[in-house]
Structure formats: C-alpha cells, structure tokens
C-alpha cells in the first residue's frame, strides 16, 4: 500500500509536468485544471500497465501514444505536432531522470540497489525532475508563441 501511495505521490506531478511540457511544445496555453486531470488519469493508466506482465518500458511507449492522442483530441494541433511534442516530452523526462540519478549517485556514493529498495528515497529522487519539467513547461509557454485558440474544449 505504501509503495502504491508513493508511486502516485511522485507519479502524478511527474506526468502533470510531462503533459504541461508537451502542451507548451505544441503551442497550447497551459490550463492547469485540465493538466491535473490528464496527469492523474495517465498516471493511473501507467500504474495499471506496469502491473501487467509486460516487457519493461512498454508503459512508456503506451503513455507516449496516449499523450499524443490526448493532445490531438483536445487541441487543434496536427497529429505530427502532437506526437513530436509527446515524444520530446517523455524523452526529456527520461534524460532528466538519467542525469539526476547519475548526479545523485556520484555525489552520495550510495549503492543504487539500496536506494531502489528504499521506496521513500527512490520516490523522493524523482522530485527534482518533476520540478524541472514543470519549470521548463512554464518557461516554454512564456517564450513560445502560443495559439490562444489551440484548445477545442
């Protein structure tokens, strides 16, 4: 139960940042209520997919496609822009996760396996990328020309 709670406490903001980053890249103004609902729904879907006996990483591929579909359905962006924005967003998230983990382990000299087994510490290690994804989405939305009519809803 604790592991599930920690997954959602770290996963929902992380996916909200990913959704916001994608929308900013696609040129849609950030609507945080919609982003929160989409992030929560996508996190639940990811949790279910990760619970299934599927290949490691498949949940990321499915989440990328679902995010692209979500952007296509609720905004007036093209299929290509929606897919590129979703792919770029998840790619950025993966790169941030890799860099933050690499930096953390090189500074602390902790054993990665020991950290992974500590559910609380492992979840907390994901918070810097959450902050960076949301910050990047806000910065992109401030500097990129946004289409105020991008939303269908």
C-alpha atoms as a PDB file:
ATOM      1  CA  UNK A   1       0.000   0.000   0.000  1.00  0.00           C
ATOM      2  CA  UNK A   2       2.806   2.412   0.918  1.00  0.00           C
ATOM      3  CA  UNK A   3       4.611   1.693  -2.352  1.00  0.00           C
ATOM      4  CA  UNK A   4       1.428   2.423  -4.323  1.00  0.00           C
ATOM      5  CA  UNK A   5       0.847   5.681  -2.463  1.00  0.00           C
ATOM      6  CA  UNK A   6       4.435   6.773  -3.095  1.00  0.00           C
ATOM      7  CA  UNK A   7       4.056   5.868  -6.778  1.00  0.00           C
ATOM      8  CA  UNK A   8       1.069   8.199  -7.117  1.00  0.00           C
ATOM      9  CA  UNK A   9       2.589  10.954  -4.963  1.00  0.00           C
ATOM     10  CA  UNK A  10       5.595  11.088  -7.285  1.00  0.00           C
ATOM     11  CA  UNK A  11       3.895   9.916 -10.495  1.00  0.00           C
ATOM     12  CA  UNK A  12       1.002  12.358 -10.710  1.00  0.00           C
ATOM     13  CA  UNK A  13       3.155  15.519 -10.548  1.00  0.00           C
ATOM     14  CA  UNK A  14       5.698  13.918 -12.887  1.00  0.00           C
ATOM     15  CA  UNK A  15       3.089  13.146 -15.530  1.00  0.00           C
ATOM     16  CA  UNK A  16       1.454  16.546 -14.997  1.00  0.00           C
ATOM     17  CA  UNK A  17       4.837  18.076 -15.827  1.00  0.00           C
ATOM     18  CA  UNK A  18       5.127  15.838 -18.870  1.00  0.00           C
ATOM     19  CA  UNK A  19       1.636  16.805 -20.081  1.00  0.00           C
ATOM     20  CA  UNK A  20       2.346  20.511 -19.474  1.00  0.00           C
ATOM     21  CA  UNK A  21       5.703  20.252 -21.279  1.00  0.00           C
ATOM     22  CA  UNK A  22       4.003  18.571 -24.258  1.00  0.00           C
ATOM     23  CA  UNK A  23       1.239  21.159 -24.431  1.00  0.00           C
ATOM     24  CA  UNK A  24       3.742  24.013 -24.245  1.00  0.00           C
ATOM     25  CA  UNK A  25       5.778  22.450 -27.071  1.00  0.00           C
ATOM     26  CA  UNK A  26       2.576  22.028 -29.095  1.00  0.00           C
ATOM     27  CA  UNK A  27       1.790  25.725 -28.641  1.00  0.00           C
ATOM     28  CA  UNK A  28      -1.249  25.380 -26.380  1.00  0.00           C
ATOM     29  CA  UNK A  29      -1.627  27.693 -23.381  1.00  0.00           C
ATOM     30  CA  UNK A  30      -1.243  25.810 -20.096  1.00  0.00           C
ATOM     31  CA  UNK A  31      -4.585  25.055 -18.436  1.00  0.00           C
ATOM     32  CA  UNK A  32      -3.623  23.555 -15.097  1.00  0.00           C
ATOM     33  CA  UNK A  33      -7.003  22.020 -14.212  1.00  0.00           C
ATOM     34  CA  UNK A  34      -7.020  20.031 -17.457  1.00  0.00           C
ATOM     35  CA  UNK A  35      -3.338  19.199 -17.000  1.00  0.00           C
ATOM     36  CA  UNK A  36      -4.044  17.918 -13.462  1.00  0.00           C
ATOM     37  CA  UNK A  37      -6.897  15.690 -14.631  1.00  0.00           C
ATOM     38  CA  UNK A  38      -4.912  14.383 -17.604  1.00  0.00           C
ATOM     39  CA  UNK A  39      -1.824  13.781 -15.455  1.00  0.00           C
ATOM     40  CA  UNK A  40      -3.828  11.877 -12.871  1.00  0.00           C
ATOM     41  CA  UNK A  41      -5.647   9.770 -15.471  1.00  0.00           C
ATOM     42  CA  UNK A  42      -2.448   8.951 -17.351  1.00  0.00           C
ATOM     43  CA  UNK A  43      -0.674   8.052 -14.104  1.00  0.00           C
ATOM     44  CA  UNK A  44      -3.478   5.615 -13.234  1.00  0.00           C
ATOM     45  CA  UNK A  45      -3.225   4.063 -16.696  1.00  0.00           C
ATOM     46  CA  UNK A  46       0.562   3.776 -16.357  1.00  0.00           C
ATOM     47  CA  UNK A  47       0.147   2.149 -12.935  1.00  0.00           C
ATOM     48  CA  UNK A  48      -2.244  -0.441 -14.393  1.00  0.00           C
ATOM     49  CA  UNK A  49       0.051  -1.142 -17.363  1.00  0.00           C
ATOM     50  CA  UNK A  50       3.079  -1.523 -15.082  1.00  0.00           C
ATOM     51  CA  UNK A  51       1.090  -4.013 -13.005  1.00  0.00           C
ATOM     52  CA  UNK A  52       0.628  -6.272 -16.028  1.00  0.00           C
ATOM     53  CA  UNK A  53       3.197  -8.887 -17.060  1.00  0.00           C
ATOM     54  CA  UNK A  54       4.516  -6.844 -19.982  1.00  0.00           C
ATOM     55  CA  UNK A  55       8.008  -6.004 -21.168  1.00  0.00           C
ATOM     56  CA  UNK A  56       9.871  -3.359 -19.188  1.00  0.00           C
ATOM     57  CA  UNK A  57       9.445   0.097 -20.714  1.00  0.00           C
ATOM     58  CA  UNK A  58       6.302  -0.745 -22.658  1.00  0.00           C
ATOM     59  CA  UNK A  59       4.330   1.537 -20.335  1.00  0.00           C
ATOM     60  CA  UNK A  60       6.410   4.480 -21.602  1.00  0.00           C
ATOM     61  CA  UNK A  61       5.637   3.715 -25.235  1.00  0.00           C
ATOM     62  CA  UNK A  62       1.921   3.373 -24.486  1.00  0.00           C
ATOM     63  CA  UNK A  63       1.938   6.546 -22.356  1.00  0.00           C
ATOM     64  CA  UNK A  64       3.626   8.479 -25.179  1.00  0.00           C
ATOM     65  CA  UNK A  65       0.993   7.348 -27.665  1.00  0.00           C
ATOM     66  CA  UNK A  66      -1.840   8.115 -25.226  1.00  0.00           C
ATOM     67  CA  UNK A  67      -0.434  11.582 -24.551  1.00  0.00           C
ATOM     68  CA  UNK A  68      -0.169  12.278 -28.286  1.00  0.00           C
ATOM     69  CA  UNK A  69      -3.766  11.106 -28.743  1.00  0.00           C
ATOM     70  CA  UNK A  70      -4.892  13.290 -25.826  1.00  0.00           C
ATOM     71  CA  UNK A  71      -3.220  16.360 -27.349  1.00  0.00           C
ATOM     72  CA  UNK A  72      -4.778  15.621 -30.755  1.00  0.00           C
ATOM     73  CA  UNK A  73      -8.255  15.278 -29.270  1.00  0.00           C
ATOM     74  CA  UNK A  74      -8.301  18.352 -27.027  1.00  0.00           C
ATOM     75  CA  UNK A  75      -6.260  20.802 -29.099  1.00  0.00           C
ATOM     76  CA  UNK A  76      -6.195  21.898 -32.699  1.00  0.00           C
ATOM     77  CA  UNK A  77      -2.633  20.692 -33.286  1.00  0.00           C
ATOM     78  CA  UNK A  78      -1.760  18.284 -36.048  1.00  0.00           C
ATOM     79  CA  UNK A  79      -1.062  14.612 -35.493  1.00  0.00           C
ATOM     80  CA  UNK A  80       2.610  15.171 -36.220  1.00  0.00           C
ATOM     81  CA  UNK A  81       2.977  18.039 -33.752  1.00  0.00           C
ATOM     82  CA  UNK A  82       1.060  16.099 -31.111  1.00  0.00           C
ATOM     83  CA  UNK A  83       3.286  13.039 -31.493  1.00  0.00           C
ATOM     84  CA  UNK A  84       6.525  15.035 -31.634  1.00  0.00           C
ATOM     85  CA  UNK A  85       5.522  17.023 -28.526  1.00  0.00           C
ATOM     86  CA  UNK A  86       4.625  13.862 -26.583  1.00  0.00           C
ATOM     87  CA  UNK A  87       7.775  12.055 -27.708  1.00  0.00           C
ATOM     88  CA  UNK A  88      10.002  15.053 -26.917  1.00  0.00           C
ATOM     89  CA  UNK A  89       8.376  15.396 -23.515  1.00  0.00           C
ATOM     90  CA  UNK A  90       8.916  11.767 -22.484  1.00  0.00           C
ATOM     91  CA  UNK A  91      12.428  11.840 -23.956  1.00  0.00           C
ATOM     92  CA  UNK A  92      13.214  14.915 -21.858  1.00  0.00           C
ATOM     93  CA  UNK A  93      11.782  13.223 -18.770  1.00  0.00           C
ATOM     94  CA  UNK A  94      13.924  10.105 -19.338  1.00  0.00           C
ATOM     95  CA  UNK A  95      17.050  12.200 -19.893  1.00  0.00           C
ATOM     96  CA  UNK A  96      16.406  14.258 -16.754  1.00  0.00           C
ATOM     97  CA  UNK A  97      15.813  11.101 -14.742  1.00  0.00           C
ATOM     98  CA  UNK A  98      19.071   9.612 -16.003  1.00  0.00           C
ATOM     99  CA  UNK A  99      21.088  12.768 -15.331  1.00  0.00           C
ATOM    100  CA  UNK A 100      19.618  13.376 -11.886  1.00  0.00           C
ATOM    101  CA  UNK A 101      20.149   9.757 -10.838  1.00  0.00           C
ATOM    102  CA  UNK A 102      23.714   9.787 -12.184  1.00  0.00           C
ATOM    103  CA  UNK A 103      24.466  13.023 -10.344  1.00  0.00           C
ATOM    104  CA  UNK A 104      22.831  11.811  -7.116  1.00  0.00           C
ATOM    105  CA  UNK A 105      24.737   8.527  -7.048  1.00  0.00           C
ATOM    106  CA  UNK A 106      28.054  10.138  -7.958  1.00  0.00           C
ATOM    107  CA  UNK A 107      27.685  12.716  -5.164  1.00  0.00           C
ATOM    108  CA  UNK A 108      26.304  10.446  -2.432  1.00  0.00           C
ATOM    109  CA  UNK A 109      28.243   7.285  -3.349  1.00  0.00           C
ATOM    110  CA  UNK A 110      25.174   5.310  -2.234  1.00  0.00           C
ATOM    111  CA  UNK A 111      24.525   1.865  -3.654  1.00  0.00           C
ATOM    112  CA  UNK A 112      21.819   2.212  -6.352  1.00  0.00           C
ATOM    113  CA  UNK A 113      20.226  -1.114  -5.356  1.00  0.00           C
ATOM    114  CA  UNK A 114      19.916   0.031  -1.736  1.00  0.00           C
ATOM    115  CA  UNK A 115      18.244   3.270  -2.835  1.00  0.00           C
ATOM    116  CA  UNK A 116      15.850   1.432  -5.160  1.00  0.00           C
ATOM    117  CA  UNK A 117      14.831  -0.836  -2.270  1.00  0.00           C
ATOM    118  CA  UNK A 118      14.075   2.216  -0.113  1.00  0.00           C
ATOM    119  CA  UNK A 119      10.671   3.205  -1.560  1.00  0.00           C
ATOM    120  CA  UNK A 120      10.567   6.640   0.078  1.00  0.00           C
ATOM    121  CA  UNK A 121      14.072   7.644  -1.001  1.00  0.00           C
ATOM    122  CA  UNK A 122      13.513   6.286  -4.514  1.00  0.00           C
ATOM    123  CA  UNK A 123      10.309   8.337  -4.836  1.00  0.00           C
ATOM    124  CA  UNK A 124      11.988  11.462  -3.472  1.00  0.00           C
ATOM    125  CA  UNK A 125      14.766  11.065  -6.025  1.00  0.00           C
ATOM    126  CA  UNK A 126      12.154  11.654  -8.755  1.00  0.00           C
ATOM    127  CA  UNK A 127      11.034  15.034  -7.410  1.00  0.00           C
ATOM    128  CA  UNK A 128      13.792  17.190  -8.978  1.00  0.00           C
ATOM    129  CA  UNK A 129      12.750  16.087 -12.469  1.00  0.00           C
ATOM    130  CA  UNK A 130       9.141  16.963 -11.603  1.00  0.00           C
ATOM    131  CA  UNK A 131      10.179  20.494 -10.704  1.00  0.00           C
ATOM    132  CA  UNK A 132      12.361  20.806 -13.805  1.00  0.00           C
ATOM    133  CA  UNK A 133       9.641  19.518 -16.169  1.00  0.00           C
ATOM    134  CA  UNK A 134       7.049  21.936 -14.776  1.00  0.00           C
ATOM    135  CA  UNK A 135       9.531  24.823 -14.775  1.00  0.00           C
ATOM    136  CA  UNK A 136      10.515  24.037 -18.374  1.00  0.00           C
ATOM    137  CA  UNK A 137       6.842  23.920 -19.413  1.00  0.00           C
ATOM    138  CA  UNK A 138       6.203  27.336 -17.846  1.00  0.00           C
ATOM    139  CA  UNK A 139       9.342  28.813 -19.452  1.00  0.00           C
ATOM    140  CA  UNK A 140       8.470  27.375 -22.870  1.00  0.00           C
ATOM    141  CA  UNK A 141       4.936  28.725 -22.600  1.00  0.00           C
ATOM    142  CA  UNK A 142       6.285  32.187 -21.735  1.00  0.00           C
ATOM    143  CA  UNK A 143       8.688  32.382 -24.678  1.00  0.00           C
ATOM    144  CA  UNK A 144       6.926  30.348 -27.364  1.00  0.00           C
ATOM    145  CA  UNK A 145       4.168  31.977 -29.347  1.00  0.00           C
ATOM    146  CA  UNK A 146       1.054  30.207 -28.094  1.00  0.00           C
ATOM    147  CA  UNK A 147      -2.143  29.769 -30.052  1.00  0.00           C
ATOM    148  CA  UNK A 148      -4.879  31.151 -27.806  1.00  0.00           C
ATOM    149  CA  UNK A 149      -7.399  29.199 -29.914  1.00  0.00           C
ATOM    150  CA  UNK A 150      -5.451  25.926 -29.624  1.00  0.00           C
ATOM    151  CA  UNK A 151      -7.951  24.315 -27.251  1.00  0.00           C
ATOM    152  CA  UNK A 152     -11.043  22.558 -28.552  1.00  0.00           C
ATOM    153  CA  UNK A 153     -12.588  22.428 -25.075  1.00  0.00           C
END
